[in-house]
Amino acid sequence: MDGHPVVDGDLDDPLVRRASTVGHRMVMGPGEPALSEWAAAGLVLPDETAMMRYRLDRIADQLVLADVDGILLFDPMNVMYATYAP
């Protein structure tokens, strides 16, 4: 768009740093202070791929049990649970 700065993945760019730390955003996965606390306690990060697979399998199983061919999700928490996307 004309007149708008281009923001790429350059972490040295102040706009990129600001976008990643300030304002409205959705953080997927744990963030600080959880990461530091887990590391200090000797805990390992959860396997997010396994967690997503579990959730999808659970949803699919429930759809089969209910004899439902599909679902529409409107609530943001339900969408994030099912798709792991904001």
C-alpha atoms as a PDB file:
ATOM      1  CA  MET A   1       0.000   0.000   0.000  1.00  0.00           C
ATOM      2  CA  ASP A   2       1.328   3.411  -0.879  1.00  0.00           C
ATOM      3  CA  GLY A   3       2.613   5.475   2.000  1.00  0.00           C
ATOM      4  CA  HIS A   4       2.990   2.551   4.409  1.00  0.00           C
ATOM      5  CA  PRO A   5       6.407   1.262   5.440  1.00  0.00           C
ATOM      6  CA  VAL A   6       7.260  -2.254   4.361  1.00  0.00           C
ATOM      7  CA  VAL A   7       7.883  -4.551   7.315  1.00  0.00           C
ATOM      8  CA  ASP A   8       9.860  -7.672   6.540  1.00  0.00           C
ATOM      9  CA  GLY A   9      11.470 -10.209   8.841  1.00  0.00           C
ATOM     10  CA  ASP A  10      14.520  -8.034   9.660  1.00  0.00           C
ATOM     11  CA  LEU A  11      14.794  -8.232  13.446  1.00  0.00           C
ATOM     12  CA  ASP A  12      17.063  -5.160  13.457  1.00  0.00           C
ATOM     13  CA  ASP A  13      14.237  -3.086  11.990  1.00  0.00           C
ATOM     14  CA  PRO A  14      12.646  -1.010  14.780  1.00  0.00           C
ATOM     15  CA  LEU A  15       9.188  -1.534  13.259  1.00  0.00           C
ATOM     16  CA  VAL A  16       9.613  -5.309  13.406  1.00  0.00           C
ATOM     17  CA  ARG A  17      10.855  -5.141  17.010  1.00  0.00           C
ATOM     18  CA  ARG A  18       7.938  -2.887  17.980  1.00  0.00           C
ATOM     19  CA  ALA A  19       5.379  -5.115  16.254  1.00  0.00           C
ATOM     20  CA  SER A  20       6.723  -8.149  18.090  1.00  0.00           C
ATOM     21  CA  THR A  21       6.619  -6.536  21.532  1.00  0.00           C
ATOM     22  CA  VAL A  22       3.925  -3.833  21.583  1.00  0.00           C
ATOM     23  CA  GLY A  23       0.286  -3.623  20.642  1.00  0.00           C
ATOM     24  CA  HIS A  24      -2.358  -6.143  19.758  1.00  0.00           C
ATOM     25  CA  ARG A  25      -0.930  -9.504  18.848  1.00  0.00           C
ATOM     26  CA  MET A  26      -1.493 -13.169  19.449  1.00  0.00           C
ATOM     27  CA  VAL A  27       1.386 -15.194  20.830  1.00  0.00           C
ATOM     28  CA  MET A  28       1.278 -18.867  19.975  1.00  0.00           C
ATOM     29  CA  GLY A  29       2.880 -21.102  22.534  1.00  0.00           C
ATOM     30  CA  PRO A  30       4.360 -20.172  25.882  1.00  0.00           C
ATOM     31  CA  GLY A  31       6.169 -16.891  26.326  1.00  0.00           C
ATOM     32  CA  GLU A  32       8.039 -15.152  29.081  1.00  0.00           C
ATOM     33  CA  PRO A  33       8.111 -15.623  32.009  1.00  0.00           C
ATOM     34  CA  ALA A  34       7.009 -19.244  31.447  1.00  0.00           C
ATOM     35  CA  LEU A  35      10.047 -20.133  29.309  1.00  0.00           C
ATOM     36  CA  SER A  36      12.524 -18.866  31.919  1.00  0.00           C
ATOM     37  CA  GLU A  37      10.633 -20.470  34.792  1.00  0.00           C
ATOM     38  CA  TRP A  38      10.472 -23.827  33.006  1.00  0.00           C
ATOM     39  CA  ALA A  39      14.185 -23.697  32.154  1.00  0.00           C
ATOM     40  CA  ALA A  40      15.066 -22.858  35.775  1.00  0.00           C
ATOM     41  CA  ALA A  41      12.935 -25.790  36.953  1.00  0.00           C
ATOM     42  CA  GLY A  42      14.558 -28.158  34.440  1.00  0.00           C
ATOM     43  CA  LEU A  43      11.299 -28.670  32.542  1.00  0.00           C
ATOM     44  CA  VAL A  44      11.110 -29.244  28.798  1.00  0.00           C
ATOM     45  CA  LEU A  45       8.808 -27.410  26.419  1.00  0.00           C
ATOM     46  CA  PRO A  46       5.567 -29.163  25.492  1.00  0.00           C
ATOM     47  CA  ASP A  47       5.511 -30.939  22.140  1.00  0.00           C
ATOM     48  CA  GLU A  48       3.250 -28.511  20.268  1.00  0.00           C
ATOM     49  CA  THR A  49       2.972 -30.786  17.226  1.00  0.00           C
ATOM     50  CA  ALA A  50       1.744 -33.660  19.407  1.00  0.00           C
ATOM     51  CA  MET A  51      -0.649 -31.300  21.179  1.00  0.00           C
ATOM     52  CA  MET A  52      -2.121 -30.105  17.855  1.00  0.00           C
ATOM     53  CA  ARG A  53      -2.462 -33.706  16.622  1.00  0.00           C
ATOM     54  CA  TYR A  54      -4.231 -34.703  19.869  1.00  0.00           C
ATOM     55  CA  ARG A  55      -6.677 -31.821  19.543  1.00  0.00           C
ATOM     56  CA  LEU A  56      -7.466 -32.528  15.892  1.00  0.00           C
ATOM     57  CA  ASP A  57      -7.918 -36.244  16.567  1.00  0.00           C
ATOM     58  CA  ARG A  58     -10.175 -35.481  19.536  1.00  0.00           C
ATOM     59  CA  ILE A  59     -12.335 -33.132  17.453  1.00  0.00           C
ATOM     60  CA  ALA A  60     -12.534 -35.609  14.562  1.00  0.00           C
ATOM     61  CA  ASP A  61     -13.499 -38.441  16.936  1.00  0.00           C
ATOM     62  CA  GLN A  62     -16.302 -36.352  18.441  1.00  0.00           C
ATOM     63  CA  LEU A  63     -17.598 -35.411  14.986  1.00  0.00           C
ATOM     64  CA  VAL A  64     -17.732 -39.093  14.026  1.00  0.00           C
ATOM     65  CA  LEU A  65     -19.486 -40.015  17.286  1.00  0.00           C
ATOM     66  CA  ALA A  66     -22.071 -37.288  16.698  1.00  0.00           C
ATOM     67  CA  ASP A  67     -22.441 -38.265  13.016  1.00  0.00           C
ATOM     68  CA  VAL A  68     -21.617 -34.688  12.017  1.00  0.00           C
ATOM     69  CA  ASP A  69     -19.827 -33.995   8.746  1.00  0.00           C
ATOM     70  CA  GLY A  70     -18.390 -30.615   9.695  1.00  0.00           C
ATOM     71  CA  ILE A  71     -18.434 -27.718  12.100  1.00  0.00           C
ATOM     72  CA  LEU A  72     -18.391 -23.946  11.971  1.00  0.00           C
ATOM     73  CA  LEU A  73     -16.356 -22.328  14.702  1.00  0.00           C
ATOM     74  CA  PHE A  74     -16.996 -18.690  15.572  1.00  0.00           C
ATOM     75  CA  ASP A  75     -15.604 -18.294  19.066  1.00  0.00           C
ATOM     76  CA  PRO A  76     -11.911 -17.291  18.845  1.00  0.00           C
ATOM     77  CA  MET A  77     -10.926 -19.742  21.593  1.00  0.00           C
ATOM     78  CA  ASN A  78     -12.607 -22.624  19.757  1.00  0.00           C
ATOM     79  CA  VAL A  79     -10.936 -21.614  16.489  1.00  0.00           C
ATOM     80  CA  MET A  80      -7.534 -21.459  18.180  1.00  0.00           C
ATOM     81  CA  TYR A  81      -8.082 -24.805  19.928  1.00  0.00           C
ATOM     82  CA  ALA A  82      -9.048 -26.521  16.676  1.00  0.00           C
ATOM     83  CA  THR A  83      -6.592 -24.853  14.305  1.00  0.00           C
ATOM     84  CA  TYR A  84      -3.812 -23.487  16.525  1.00  0.00           C
ATOM     85  CA  ALA A  85      -4.223 -20.220  14.658  1.00  0.00           C
ATOM     86  CA  PRO A  86      -5.497 -16.882  15.929  1.00  0.00           C
END
